[in-house]
Amino acid sequence: HMNLVKINMSSGQISTEPFPQPSEIKMPLGGRATVDYLLTLFGFPAAHPLSEENQFIIAPGFFGGTAAPSSGRLSIGAKSPLTGGIKEANVGGPAGHKLMRLGIQAIMITGKAKEWKVLKVDSRGISLEPAQDIVGMDNYIACDKLRSRYGERTSILIVGPAGEKKYLNSTVGATDNEGRPCR
């Protein structure tokens, strides 16, 4: 049984609900299809990409968490600030595997926090924690600091200085098996 995690950054509210079963939606979903499904279901077409209404989706691939070769894919999607259209990007690395092993099929984020936050997801739960100490840091330095805080085997998704400044060409970096944010 897989879960959908909903996070409202404005209120700090985190909720978890069962992800719809394939029989309810007529097909099994993973990765890119999950992003499309959730943006179609919950997205607001007229929302500005950098507004609180935009949905930001993180969804492991269909075979995430399994031993299948190259199965640790992760899709990240939202309405793009660069194009105004829906954009999904796909990345490899351990994060997709770890989310699926925790029973998470998708994380859907809305809203805007008053202060920078780290979204921590582990076997003990999901929480928002202060991130002021990494704001403005280069991704590699920030990831080193986060791994020293949360453990060397931590998988990290990070926007870095470009995302913090809302540059239209910013991206989400994902760490590889060695902890480098190079994906």
C-alpha atoms as a PDB file:
ATOM      1  CA  HIS A   1       0.000   0.000   0.000  1.00  0.00           C
ATOM      2  CA  MET A   2       1.502   3.309  -1.135  1.00  0.00           C
ATOM      3  CA  ASN A   3       0.891   6.810   0.205  1.00  0.00           C
ATOM      4  CA  LEU A   4       0.487  10.344  -1.091  1.00  0.00           C
ATOM      5  CA  VAL A   5       2.136  12.910   1.173  1.00  0.00           C
ATOM      6  CA  LYS A   6       0.640  16.408   0.981  1.00  0.00           C
ATOM      7  CA  ILE A   7       2.623  19.320   2.359  1.00  0.00           C
ATOM      8  CA  ASN A   8       1.333  22.864   2.668  1.00  0.00           C
ATOM      9  CA  MET A   9       4.409  25.024   3.205  1.00  0.00           C
ATOM     10  CA  SER A  10       2.300  28.085   4.155  1.00  0.00           C
ATOM     11  CA  SER A  11       0.685  26.376   7.149  1.00  0.00           C
ATOM     12  CA  GLY A  12       3.347  23.732   7.775  1.00  0.00           C
ATOM     13  CA  GLN A  13       0.650  21.068   7.625  1.00  0.00           C
ATOM     14  CA  ILE A  14       1.748  17.598   6.524  1.00  0.00           C
ATOM     15  CA  SER A  15      -0.808  14.899   5.786  1.00  0.00           C
ATOM     16  CA  THR A  16      -0.580  11.388   4.426  1.00  0.00           C
ATOM     17  CA  GLU A  17      -3.331   9.539   2.625  1.00  0.00           C
ATOM     18  CA  PRO A  18      -3.486   6.316   0.648  1.00  0.00           C
ATOM     19  CA  PHE A  19      -2.554   6.759  -2.997  1.00  0.00           C
ATOM     20  CA  PRO A  20      -5.426   5.616  -5.252  1.00  0.00           C
ATOM     21  CA  GLN A  21      -5.241   1.945  -6.179  1.00  0.00           C
ATOM     22  CA  PRO A  22      -4.792   1.056  -9.880  1.00  0.00           C
ATOM     23  CA  SER A  23      -8.351  -0.281  -9.947  1.00  0.00           C
ATOM     24  CA  GLU A  24      -9.618   3.189  -8.930  1.00  0.00           C
ATOM     25  CA  ILE A  25      -7.717   5.033 -11.663  1.00  0.00           C
ATOM     26  CA  LYS A  26      -7.759   2.314 -14.338  1.00  0.00           C
ATOM     27  CA  MET A  27      -3.953   1.896 -14.497  1.00  0.00           C
ATOM     28  CA  PRO A  28      -0.879   1.581 -12.283  1.00  0.00           C
ATOM     29  CA  LEU A  29       1.099   4.804 -11.972  1.00  0.00           C
ATOM     30  CA  GLY A  30       4.714   5.648 -11.318  1.00  0.00           C
ATOM     31  CA  GLY A  31       7.085   8.553 -11.897  1.00  0.00           C
ATOM     32  CA  ARG A  32       6.073  10.738 -14.840  1.00  0.00           C
ATOM     33  CA  ALA A  33       2.536   9.305 -14.983  1.00  0.00           C
ATOM     34  CA  THR A  34       2.078  10.046 -11.270  1.00  0.00           C
ATOM     35  CA  VAL A  35       3.189  13.655 -11.788  1.00  0.00           C
ATOM     36  CA  ASP A  36       0.746  14.012 -14.699  1.00  0.00           C
ATOM     37  CA  TYR A  37      -2.108  12.401 -12.757  1.00  0.00           C
ATOM     38  CA  LEU A  38      -1.665  14.615  -9.686  1.00  0.00           C
ATOM     39  CA  LEU A  39      -1.195  17.840 -11.656  1.00  0.00           C
ATOM     40  CA  THR A  40      -4.316  17.030 -13.673  1.00  0.00           C
ATOM     41  CA  LEU A  41      -6.299  16.233 -10.521  1.00  0.00           C
ATOM     42  CA  PHE A  42      -5.052  19.012  -8.220  1.00  0.00           C
ATOM     43  CA  GLY A  43      -3.323  21.608 -10.416  1.00  0.00           C
ATOM     44  CA  PHE A  44      -4.682  25.063 -11.167  1.00  0.00           C
ATOM     45  CA  PRO A  45      -4.003  25.897 -14.840  1.00  0.00           C
ATOM     46  CA  ALA A  46      -4.214  29.664 -14.217  1.00  0.00           C
ATOM     47  CA  ALA A  47      -1.835  29.597 -11.218  1.00  0.00           C
ATOM     48  CA  HIS A  48       1.427  31.483 -11.590  1.00  0.00           C
ATOM     49  CA  PRO A  49       4.304  28.958 -11.483  1.00  0.00           C
ATOM     50  CA  LEU A  50       5.892  30.664  -8.458  1.00  0.00           C
ATOM     51  CA  SER A  51       2.614  31.123  -6.584  1.00  0.00           C
ATOM     52  CA  GLU A  52       1.426  29.256  -3.516  1.00  0.00           C
ATOM     53  CA  GLU A  53      -1.201  27.486  -5.639  1.00  0.00           C
ATOM     54  CA  ASN A  54       1.293  25.721  -7.901  1.00  0.00           C
ATOM     55  CA  GLN A  55       1.709  22.019  -7.186  1.00  0.00           C
ATOM     56  CA  PHE A  56       5.264  20.696  -6.907  1.00  0.00           C
ATOM     57  CA  ILE A  57       5.295  16.896  -7.248  1.00  0.00           C
ATOM     58  CA  ILE A  58       8.034  14.393  -6.385  1.00  0.00           C
ATOM     59  CA  ALA A  59       7.233  10.852  -7.546  1.00  0.00           C
ATOM     60  CA  PRO A  60       9.431   7.730  -7.590  1.00  0.00           C
ATOM     61  CA  GLY A  61       9.355   5.585 -10.706  1.00  0.00           C
ATOM     62  CA  PHE A  62       7.162   2.540 -11.095  1.00  0.00           C
ATOM     63  CA  PHE A  63       9.938   0.080 -10.144  1.00  0.00           C
ATOM     64  CA  GLY A  64      11.534   2.247  -7.439  1.00  0.00           C
ATOM     65  CA  GLY A  65      12.522   0.316  -4.343  1.00  0.00           C
ATOM     66  CA  THR A  66      13.030  -2.909  -6.295  1.00  0.00           C
ATOM     67  CA  ALA A  67      16.199  -4.683  -7.381  1.00  0.00           C
ATOM     68  CA  ALA A  68      15.451  -4.100 -11.080  1.00  0.00           C
ATOM     69  CA  PRO A  69      18.446  -2.527 -12.896  1.00  0.00           C
ATOM     70  CA  SER A  70      18.281   1.267 -13.308  1.00  0.00           C
ATOM     71  CA  SER A  71      14.972   1.351 -11.439  1.00  0.00           C
ATOM     72  CA  GLY A  72      15.771   4.134  -8.974  1.00  0.00           C
ATOM     73  CA  ARG A  73      14.195   6.849 -11.100  1.00  0.00           C
ATOM     74  CA  LEU A  74      12.518   9.894  -9.621  1.00  0.00           C
ATOM     75  CA  SER A  75      10.258  12.347 -11.442  1.00  0.00           C
ATOM     76  CA  ILE A  76       9.861  15.948 -10.314  1.00  0.00           C
ATOM     77  CA  GLY A  77       7.225  18.135 -11.912  1.00  0.00           C
ATOM     78  CA  ALA A  78       5.255  21.360 -11.683  1.00  0.00           C
ATOM     79  CA  LYS A  79       4.092  24.248 -13.776  1.00  0.00           C
ATOM     80  CA  SER A  80       7.332  25.686 -15.144  1.00  0.00           C
ATOM     81  CA  PRO A  81       8.333  29.279 -14.352  1.00  0.00           C
ATOM     82  CA  LEU A  82      10.443  29.255 -17.537  1.00  0.00           C
ATOM     83  CA  THR A  83       7.742  28.170 -20.012  1.00  0.00           C
ATOM     84  CA  GLY A  84       4.425  28.389 -18.145  1.00  0.00           C
ATOM     85  CA  GLY A  85       3.706  24.819 -19.229  1.00  0.00           C
ATOM     86  CA  ILE A  86       3.777  21.607 -17.243  1.00  0.00           C
ATOM     87  CA  LYS A  87       7.291  20.240 -16.946  1.00  0.00           C
ATOM     88  CA  GLU A  88       8.558  16.979 -15.521  1.00  0.00           C
ATOM     89  CA  ALA A  89      12.193  16.062 -15.110  1.00  0.00           C
ATOM     90  CA  ASN A  90      13.545  12.613 -14.377  1.00  0.00           C
ATOM     91  CA  VAL A  91      16.629  11.748 -12.361  1.00  0.00           C
ATOM     92  CA  GLY A  92      18.377   8.617 -11.129  1.00  0.00           C
ATOM     93  CA  GLY A  93      20.034   7.978  -7.798  1.00  0.00           C
ATOM     94  CA  PRO A  94      18.971   6.543  -4.457  1.00  0.00           C
ATOM     95  CA  ALA A  95      16.160   8.983  -3.552  1.00  0.00           C
ATOM     96  CA  GLY A  96      13.490   7.201  -5.631  1.00  0.00           C
ATOM     97  CA  HIS A  97      14.345   3.845  -4.084  1.00  0.00           C
ATOM     98  CA  LYS A  98      14.271   5.249  -0.560  1.00  0.00           C
ATOM     99  CA  LEU A  99      10.889   6.944  -0.990  1.00  0.00           C
ATOM    100  CA  MET A 100       9.285   3.780  -2.387  1.00  0.00           C
ATOM    101  CA  ARG A 101      10.764   1.682   0.435  1.00  0.00           C
ATOM    102  CA  LEU A 102       9.109   4.117   2.852  1.00  0.00           C
ATOM    103  CA  GLY A 103       5.774   3.510   1.098  1.00  0.00           C
ATOM    104  CA  ILE A 104       5.641   6.938  -0.557  1.00  0.00           C
ATOM    105  CA  GLN A 105       4.356   7.034  -4.125  1.00  0.00           C
ATOM    106  CA  ALA A 106       4.331  10.825  -4.297  1.00  0.00           C
ATOM    107  CA  ILE A 107       4.967  14.007  -2.362  1.00  0.00           C
ATOM    108  CA  MET A 108       2.818  16.979  -3.346  1.00  0.00           C
ATOM    109  CA  ILE A 109       3.967  20.383  -2.096  1.00  0.00           C
ATOM    110  CA  THR A 110       2.003  23.654  -2.192  1.00  0.00           C
ATOM    111  CA  GLY A 111       2.239  26.992  -0.436  1.00  0.00           C
ATOM    112  CA  LYS A 112       5.169  29.128   0.595  1.00  0.00           C
ATOM    113  CA  ALA A 113       7.029  28.939   3.890  1.00  0.00           C
ATOM    114  CA  LYS A 114       7.947  32.133   5.727  1.00  0.00           C
ATOM    115  CA  GLU A 115      11.473  30.766   6.255  1.00  0.00           C
ATOM    116  CA  TRP A 116      13.591  28.227   4.369  1.00  0.00           C
ATOM    117  CA  LYS A 117      12.890  24.633   5.399  1.00  0.00           C
ATOM    118  CA  VAL A 118      14.345  21.164   4.997  1.00  0.00           C
ATOM    119  CA  LEU A 119      11.737  18.506   4.314  1.00  0.00           C
ATOM    120  CA  LYS A 120      12.982  15.480   6.234  1.00  0.00           C
ATOM    121  CA  VAL A 121      11.515  12.104   5.270  1.00  0.00           C
ATOM    122  CA  ASP A 122      12.619   8.943   7.043  1.00  0.00           C
ATOM    123  CA  SER A 123      11.250   5.810   8.683  1.00  0.00           C
ATOM    124  CA  ARG A 124      10.259   7.832  11.783  1.00  0.00           C
ATOM    125  CA  GLY A 125       8.066  10.243   9.813  1.00  0.00           C
ATOM    126  CA  ILE A 126       7.993  13.448   7.831  1.00  0.00           C
ATOM    127  CA  SER A 127       8.872  16.876   9.207  1.00  0.00           C
ATOM    128  CA  LEU A 128       9.827  20.395   8.196  1.00  0.00           C
ATOM    129  CA  GLU A 129      13.009  21.638   9.855  1.00  0.00           C
ATOM    130  CA  PRO A 130      14.900  24.960   9.742  1.00  0.00           C
ATOM    131  CA  ALA A 131      17.256  25.406   6.781  1.00  0.00           C
ATOM    132  CA  GLN A 132      18.654  28.894   7.401  1.00  0.00           C
ATOM    133  CA  ASP A 133      22.149  27.474   7.939  1.00  0.00           C
ATOM    134  CA  ILE A 134      22.394  26.213   4.330  1.00  0.00           C
ATOM    135  CA  VAL A 135      20.722  29.099   2.475  1.00  0.00           C
ATOM    136  CA  GLY A 136      23.051  30.602  -0.119  1.00  0.00           C
ATOM    137  CA  MET A 137      25.525  27.721   0.009  1.00  0.00           C
ATOM    138  CA  ASP A 138      26.825  25.929  -3.054  1.00  0.00           C
ATOM    139  CA  ASN A 139      24.976  22.615  -3.457  1.00  0.00           C
ATOM    140  CA  TYR A 140      28.046  20.474  -2.681  1.00  0.00           C
ATOM    141  CA  ILE A 141      28.809  22.371   0.531  1.00  0.00           C
ATOM    142  CA  ALA A 142      25.142  22.375   1.586  1.00  0.00           C
ATOM    143  CA  CYS A 143      24.873  18.620   0.955  1.00  0.00           C
ATOM    144  CA  ASP A 144      28.028  17.988   3.024  1.00  0.00           C
ATOM    145  CA  LYS A 145      26.450  19.917   5.877  1.00  0.00           C
ATOM    146  CA  LEU A 146      23.109  18.086   5.539  1.00  0.00           C
ATOM    147  CA  ARG A 147      24.834  14.672   5.461  1.00  0.00           C
ATOM    148  CA  SER A 148      26.765  15.543   8.620  1.00  0.00           C
ATOM    149  CA  ARG A 149      23.419  16.441  10.250  1.00  0.00           C
ATOM    150  CA  TYR A 150      21.266  13.553   8.959  1.00  0.00           C
ATOM    151  CA  GLY A 151      23.785  10.822   8.150  1.00  0.00           C
ATOM    152  CA  GLU A 152      26.132   9.854   5.338  1.00  0.00           C
ATOM    153  CA  ARG A 153      23.559   7.624   3.613  1.00  0.00           C
ATOM    154  CA  THR A 154      21.030  10.443   3.323  1.00  0.00           C
ATOM    155  CA  SER A 155      19.618  11.158  -0.155  1.00  0.00           C
ATOM    156  CA  ILE A 156      19.159  14.844  -0.838  1.00  0.00           C
ATOM    157  CA  LEU A 157      17.127  16.871  -3.332  1.00  0.00           C
ATOM    158  CA  ILE A 158      18.259  20.503  -3.338  1.00  0.00           C
ATOM    159  CA  VAL A 159      17.512  23.675  -5.295  1.00  0.00           C
ATOM    160  CA  GLY A 160      20.631  25.580  -4.275  1.00  0.00           C
ATOM    161  CA  PRO A 161      21.266  29.303  -4.772  1.00  0.00           C
ATOM    162  CA  ALA A 162      19.648  29.481  -8.228  1.00  0.00           C
ATOM    163  CA  GLY A 163      16.371  28.050  -6.926  1.00  0.00           C
ATOM    164  CA  GLU A 164      16.528  30.196  -3.804  1.00  0.00           C
ATOM    165  CA  LYS A 165      16.753  33.284  -6.029  1.00  0.00           C
ATOM    166  CA  LYS A 166      13.880  31.984  -8.201  1.00  0.00           C
ATOM    167  CA  TYR A 167      15.978  32.002 -11.353  1.00  0.00           C
ATOM    168  CA  LEU A 168      13.836  30.754 -14.211  1.00  0.00           C
ATOM    169  CA  ASN A 169      16.490  28.256 -15.320  1.00  0.00           C
ATOM    170  CA  SER A 170      17.084  26.740 -11.875  1.00  0.00           C
ATOM    171  CA  THR A 171      16.837  23.023 -11.281  1.00  0.00           C
ATOM    172  CA  VAL A 172      16.564  20.443  -8.517  1.00  0.00           C
ATOM    173  CA  GLY A 173      19.813  18.624  -7.823  1.00  0.00           C
ATOM    174  CA  ALA A 174      19.750  15.040  -6.564  1.00  0.00           C
ATOM    175  CA  THR A 175      22.583  13.250  -4.812  1.00  0.00           C
ATOM    176  CA  ASP A 176      24.175  10.139  -6.251  1.00  0.00           C
ATOM    177  CA  ASN A 177      25.268   7.040  -4.289  1.00  0.00           C
ATOM    178  CA  GLU A 178      28.367   8.905  -3.083  1.00  0.00           C
ATOM    179  CA  GLY A 179      26.300  11.837  -1.783  1.00  0.00           C
ATOM    180  CA  ARG A 180      27.256  14.316  -4.517  1.00  0.00           C
ATOM    181  CA  PRO A 181      24.435  16.564  -5.822  1.00  0.00           C
ATOM    182  CA  CYS A 182      25.458  15.879  -9.410  1.00  0.00           C
ATOM    183  CA  ARG A 183      22.220  14.521 -10.863  1.00  0.00           C
END
